[in-house]
């Protein structure tokens, strides 16, 4: 499930061009761990927020109800409820309060440690 999320590309809009970037690459770029001439870390952070993902400490929050994530998981086993398997990831923690994912988007979320996507955690 996490692999599906990390491999899904989202459309990134910049001044004169649009391009598709996998969510995992957006996370690494936002953290400054992947350099690219097309995408700045702040742009990557903004796209993640619009996707229902917010970086926090050594991991990231994934919204349990964001509309962009509903589109990402549509047609998959996790379409109706990705929060349960997301919560089963090693080290994952439910947020004690709602998390802000940009203007007008505040949702419950699951915090996922970065180790889960860097190969050090369970999926």
C-alpha atoms as a PDB file:
ATOM      1  CA  UNK A   1       0.000   0.000   0.000  1.00  0.00           C
ATOM      2  CA  UNK A   2       2.795   2.408   0.903  1.00  0.00           C
ATOM      3  CA  UNK A   3       4.627   1.339  -2.241  1.00  0.00           C
ATOM      4  CA  UNK A   4       1.558   2.251  -4.308  1.00  0.00           C
ATOM      5  CA  UNK A   5       1.451   5.700  -2.708  1.00  0.00           C
ATOM      6  CA  UNK A   6       5.183   6.364  -3.178  1.00  0.00           C
ATOM      7  CA  UNK A   7       5.108   5.309  -6.846  1.00  0.00           C
ATOM      8  CA  UNK A   8       2.005   7.290  -7.784  1.00  0.00           C
ATOM      9  CA  UNK A   9       2.849  10.389  -9.788  1.00  0.00           C
ATOM     10  CA  UNK A  10       1.190  13.722  -9.144  1.00  0.00           C
ATOM     11  CA  UNK A  11       1.071  16.658 -11.544  1.00  0.00           C
ATOM     12  CA  UNK A  12       3.406  19.469 -10.480  1.00  0.00           C
ATOM     13  CA  UNK A  13       2.702  22.926 -11.868  1.00  0.00           C
ATOM     14  CA  UNK A  14       5.478  25.478 -12.182  1.00  0.00           C
ATOM     15  CA  UNK A  15       5.755  28.806 -13.939  1.00  0.00           C
ATOM     16  CA  UNK A  16       6.037  27.560 -17.516  1.00  0.00           C
ATOM     17  CA  UNK A  17       5.726  23.801 -17.350  1.00  0.00           C
ATOM     18  CA  UNK A  18       3.837  20.895 -15.836  1.00  0.00           C
ATOM     19  CA  UNK A  19       5.328  17.512 -15.109  1.00  0.00           C
ATOM     20  CA  UNK A  20       4.541  14.315 -13.219  1.00  0.00           C
ATOM     21  CA  UNK A  21       6.582  13.404 -10.142  1.00  0.00           C
ATOM     22  CA  UNK A  22       6.205  10.288  -7.971  1.00  0.00           C
ATOM     23  CA  UNK A  23       5.146  11.014  -4.371  1.00  0.00           C
ATOM     24  CA  UNK A  24       8.299   9.327  -3.042  1.00  0.00           C
ATOM     25  CA  UNK A  25      10.461  11.654  -5.132  1.00  0.00           C
ATOM     26  CA  UNK A  26       8.490  14.664  -3.886  1.00  0.00           C
ATOM     27  CA  UNK A  27       9.211  13.611  -0.307  1.00  0.00           C
ATOM     28  CA  UNK A  28      12.944  13.176  -0.932  1.00  0.00           C
ATOM     29  CA  UNK A  29      13.119  16.501  -2.804  1.00  0.00           C
ATOM     30  CA  UNK A  30      11.199  18.332  -0.060  1.00  0.00           C
ATOM     31  CA  UNK A  31      13.664  16.956   2.486  1.00  0.00           C
ATOM     32  CA  UNK A  32      16.620  18.083   0.375  1.00  0.00           C
ATOM     33  CA  UNK A  33      17.765  14.481  -0.185  1.00  0.00           C
ATOM     34  CA  UNK A  34      17.242  14.547  -3.951  1.00  0.00           C
ATOM     35  CA  UNK A  35      18.426  17.379  -6.125  1.00  0.00           C
ATOM     36  CA  UNK A  36      16.611  18.260  -9.305  1.00  0.00           C
ATOM     37  CA  UNK A  37      16.734  21.288 -11.556  1.00  0.00           C
ATOM     38  CA  UNK A  38      12.980  21.112 -12.167  1.00  0.00           C
ATOM     39  CA  UNK A  39      11.744  21.115  -8.595  1.00  0.00           C
ATOM     40  CA  UNK A  40      12.638  23.151  -5.524  1.00  0.00           C
ATOM     41  CA  UNK A  41      12.095  21.760  -1.984  1.00  0.00           C
ATOM     42  CA  UNK A  42       9.417  24.376  -1.171  1.00  0.00           C
ATOM     43  CA  UNK A  43       7.490  23.503  -4.336  1.00  0.00           C
ATOM     44  CA  UNK A  44       7.684  19.813  -3.414  1.00  0.00           C
ATOM     45  CA  UNK A  45       6.379  20.562   0.104  1.00  0.00           C
ATOM     46  CA  UNK A  46       3.434  22.477  -1.357  1.00  0.00           C
ATOM     47  CA  UNK A  47       2.563  19.654  -3.747  1.00  0.00           C
ATOM     48  CA  UNK A  48       2.726  17.153  -0.889  1.00  0.00           C
ATOM     49  CA  UNK A  49       0.296  19.256   1.163  1.00  0.00           C
ATOM     50  CA  UNK A  50      -2.094  19.410  -1.803  1.00  0.00           C
ATOM     51  CA  UNK A  51      -1.828  15.610  -1.952  1.00  0.00           C
ATOM     52  CA  UNK A  52      -2.659  15.128   1.743  1.00  0.00           C
ATOM     53  CA  UNK A  53       0.901  14.545   2.955  1.00  0.00           C
ATOM     54  CA  UNK A  54       2.719  16.774   5.446  1.00  0.00           C
ATOM     55  CA  UNK A  55       6.369  16.397   6.411  1.00  0.00           C
ATOM     56  CA  UNK A  56       6.980  16.298  10.145  1.00  0.00           C
ATOM     57  CA  UNK A  57      10.251  15.535  11.952  1.00  0.00           C
ATOM     58  CA  UNK A  58      11.669  12.195  10.725  1.00  0.00           C
ATOM     59  CA  UNK A  59       8.555  11.206   8.823  1.00  0.00           C
ATOM     60  CA  UNK A  60       5.333  12.473   7.353  1.00  0.00           C
ATOM     61  CA  UNK A  61       1.627  12.632   8.098  1.00  0.00           C
ATOM     62  CA  UNK A  62      -0.781  11.012   5.648  1.00  0.00           C
ATOM     63  CA  UNK A  63      -4.359  12.289   5.792  1.00  0.00           C
ATOM     64  CA  UNK A  64      -7.018   9.677   6.431  1.00  0.00           C
ATOM     65  CA  UNK A  65      -9.593  11.424   4.235  1.00  0.00           C
ATOM     66  CA  UNK A  66      -7.949  13.872   1.788  1.00  0.00           C
ATOM     67  CA  UNK A  67      -9.623  14.011  -1.629  1.00  0.00           C
ATOM     68  CA  UNK A  68      -6.311  13.678  -3.508  1.00  0.00           C
ATOM     69  CA  UNK A  69      -5.533  10.462  -1.617  1.00  0.00           C
ATOM     70  CA  UNK A  70      -9.012   9.180  -2.432  1.00  0.00           C
ATOM     71  CA  UNK A  71      -8.086   9.575  -6.112  1.00  0.00           C
ATOM     72  CA  UNK A  72      -4.721   7.856  -5.591  1.00  0.00           C
ATOM     73  CA  UNK A  73      -6.292   4.826  -3.906  1.00  0.00           C
ATOM     74  CA  UNK A  74      -9.371   4.631  -6.179  1.00  0.00           C
ATOM     75  CA  UNK A  75      -9.742   1.173  -7.680  1.00  0.00           C
ATOM     76  CA  UNK A  76      -7.342  -0.423  -5.188  1.00  0.00           C
ATOM     77  CA  UNK A  77      -7.883  -2.663  -2.180  1.00  0.00           C
ATOM     78  CA  UNK A  78      -7.384   0.416   0.000  1.00  0.00           C
ATOM     79  CA  UNK A  79      -9.937   2.648  -1.762  1.00  0.00           C
ATOM     80  CA  UNK A  80     -12.450   2.700   1.097  1.00  0.00           C
ATOM     81  CA  UNK A  81      -9.999   2.799   3.979  1.00  0.00           C
ATOM     82  CA  UNK A  82      -6.252   3.293   3.723  1.00  0.00           C
ATOM     83  CA  UNK A  83      -5.945   4.403   7.369  1.00  0.00           C
ATOM     84  CA  UNK A  84      -6.010   0.861   8.802  1.00  0.00           C
ATOM     85  CA  UNK A  85      -3.129  -0.573   6.742  1.00  0.00           C
ATOM     86  CA  UNK A  86      -1.273   2.747   7.015  1.00  0.00           C
ATOM     87  CA  UNK A  87      -1.532   2.480  10.805  1.00  0.00           C
ATOM     88  CA  UNK A  88      -0.008  -1.006  10.689  1.00  0.00           C
ATOM     89  CA  UNK A  89       3.266   0.214   9.184  1.00  0.00           C
ATOM     90  CA  UNK A  90       6.113  -0.314  11.629  1.00  0.00           C
ATOM     91  CA  UNK A  91       6.525   2.866  13.679  1.00  0.00           C
ATOM     92  CA  UNK A  92       3.329   4.518  12.383  1.00  0.00           C
ATOM     93  CA  UNK A  93       1.315   6.587  14.889  1.00  0.00           C
ATOM     94  CA  UNK A  94      -2.200   8.053  14.729  1.00  0.00           C
ATOM     95  CA  UNK A  95      -2.213  11.817  15.134  1.00  0.00           C
ATOM     96  CA  UNK A  96      -3.742  12.915  18.448  1.00  0.00           C
ATOM     97  CA  UNK A  97      -5.365  15.902  16.727  1.00  0.00           C
ATOM     98  CA  UNK A  98      -6.237  17.087  13.235  1.00  0.00           C
ATOM     99  CA  UNK A  99      -3.354  18.038  10.964  1.00  0.00           C
ATOM    100  CA  UNK A 100      -3.452  20.932   8.496  1.00  0.00           C
ATOM    101  CA  UNK A 101      -2.843  20.018   4.856  1.00  0.00           C
ATOM    102  CA  UNK A 102      -3.100  23.444   3.338  1.00  0.00           C
ATOM    103  CA  UNK A 103      -5.889  25.982   3.034  1.00  0.00           C
ATOM    104  CA  UNK A 104      -9.187  24.509   4.192  1.00  0.00           C
ATOM    105  CA  UNK A 105      -7.876  20.973   4.637  1.00  0.00           C
ATOM    106  CA  UNK A 106      -7.599  19.703   8.210  1.00  0.00           C
ATOM    107  CA  UNK A 107      -7.877  15.954   8.721  1.00  0.00           C
ATOM    108  CA  UNK A 108      -6.969  13.161  11.065  1.00  0.00           C
ATOM    109  CA  UNK A 109      -3.748  11.561   9.931  1.00  0.00           C
ATOM    110  CA  UNK A 110      -1.259   8.757  10.402  1.00  0.00           C
ATOM    111  CA  UNK A 111       2.386   9.663  10.963  1.00  0.00           C
ATOM    112  CA  UNK A 112       4.708   7.364   9.009  1.00  0.00           C
ATOM    113  CA  UNK A 113       8.427   7.234   9.796  1.00  0.00           C
ATOM    114  CA  UNK A 114      10.725   8.056   6.898  1.00  0.00           C
ATOM    115  CA  UNK A 115      12.452   4.706   7.505  1.00  0.00           C
ATOM    116  CA  UNK A 116       9.333   3.021   6.105  1.00  0.00           C
ATOM    117  CA  UNK A 117      10.001   4.490   2.657  1.00  0.00           C
ATOM    118  CA  UNK A 118      13.779   4.439   2.755  1.00  0.00           C
ATOM    119  CA  UNK A 119      13.846   0.652   3.035  1.00  0.00           C
ATOM    120  CA  UNK A 120      14.362   0.362   6.776  1.00  0.00           C
ATOM    121  CA  UNK A 121      10.727  -0.305   7.744  1.00  0.00           C
ATOM    122  CA  UNK A 122       7.808  -2.593   7.030  1.00  0.00           C
ATOM    123  CA  UNK A 123       5.187  -1.913   4.430  1.00  0.00           C
END
